[in-house]
Amino acid sequence: MSSCISRALEKEEYLNIIKKAGFKDVKILKQYYFTEPEMDERLIGKIISIQLKATK
């Protein structure tokens, strides 16, 4: 499990960190986009949560 502590990660950066940690066959199983009625339009489509599977 991962969470944001000091800054958000770009999806590719996050996946590369997982691969560099020695995980193989990294696959995104689900991807959810966060939205909110009063959300700043610059953030629409930018905040996501992903569920992935990898082996080590």
Protein backbone atom coordinates (compact mmCIF):
# COMPACT_ATOMS: atom_id res chain seq x y z
CA MET A 1 0.00 0.00 0.00
CA SER A 2 1.21 3.47 -0.82
CA SER A 3 0.01 6.88 0.19
CA CYS A 4 1.05 10.46 -0.43
CA ILE A 5 3.03 11.98 2.42
CA SER A 6 4.90 14.95 1.04
CA ARG A 7 3.98 15.12 -2.63
CA ALA A 8 2.03 13.33 -5.29
CA LEU A 9 3.78 11.02 -7.71
CA GLU A 10 3.11 10.80 -11.40
CA LYS A 11 1.77 7.36 -12.30
CA GLU A 12 4.82 6.42 -14.40
CA GLU A 13 7.19 7.57 -11.65
CA TYR A 14 5.33 5.40 -9.13
CA LEU A 15 5.44 2.36 -11.43
CA ASN A 16 9.17 2.89 -12.05
CA ILE A 17 9.84 2.98 -8.30
CA ILE A 18 8.06 -0.35 -7.92
CA LYS A 19 10.09 -1.85 -10.78
CA LYS A 20 13.37 -0.51 -9.36
CA ALA A 21 12.47 -2.16 -6.04
CA GLY A 22 12.68 -5.50 -7.84
CA PHE A 23 9.05 -6.19 -8.71
CA LYS A 24 8.33 -7.81 -12.08
CA ASP A 25 5.23 -8.16 -14.25
CA VAL A 26 3.75 -4.91 -12.91
CA LYS A 27 0.17 -4.68 -14.18
CA ILE A 28 -2.51 -2.12 -13.44
CA LEU A 29 -5.71 -3.96 -12.51
CA LYS A 30 -7.98 -0.97 -11.86
CA GLN A 31 -7.66 2.77 -12.14
CA TYR A 32 -10.05 5.26 -10.54
CA TYR A 33 -10.15 8.98 -11.26
CA PHE A 34 -10.99 11.20 -8.29
CA THR A 35 -13.60 13.86 -8.96
CA GLU A 36 -15.56 16.27 -6.84
CA PRO A 37 -18.32 18.75 -7.80
CA GLU A 38 -16.28 21.87 -6.88
CA MET A 39 -12.95 20.49 -8.11
CA ASP A 40 -10.55 22.92 -9.78
CA GLU A 41 -10.73 22.18 -13.50
CA ARG A 42 -6.92 21.95 -13.69
CA LEU A 43 -7.10 18.82 -11.50
CA ILE A 44 -9.79 16.97 -13.44
CA GLY A 45 -8.36 13.71 -14.76
CA LYS A 46 -5.10 14.21 -12.85
CA ILE A 47 -5.79 12.58 -9.47
CA ILE A 48 -6.03 8.82 -9.69
CA SER A 49 -5.91 5.76 -7.52
CA ILE A 50 -4.55 2.58 -9.01
CA GLN A 51 -4.74 -1.04 -7.97
CA LEU A 52 -1.89 -3.11 -9.34
CA LYS A 53 -0.40 -6.57 -9.25
CA ALA A 54 3.31 -7.38 -9.31
CA THR A 55 5.58 -10.28 -8.39
CA LYS A 56 8.91 -10.32 -6.63
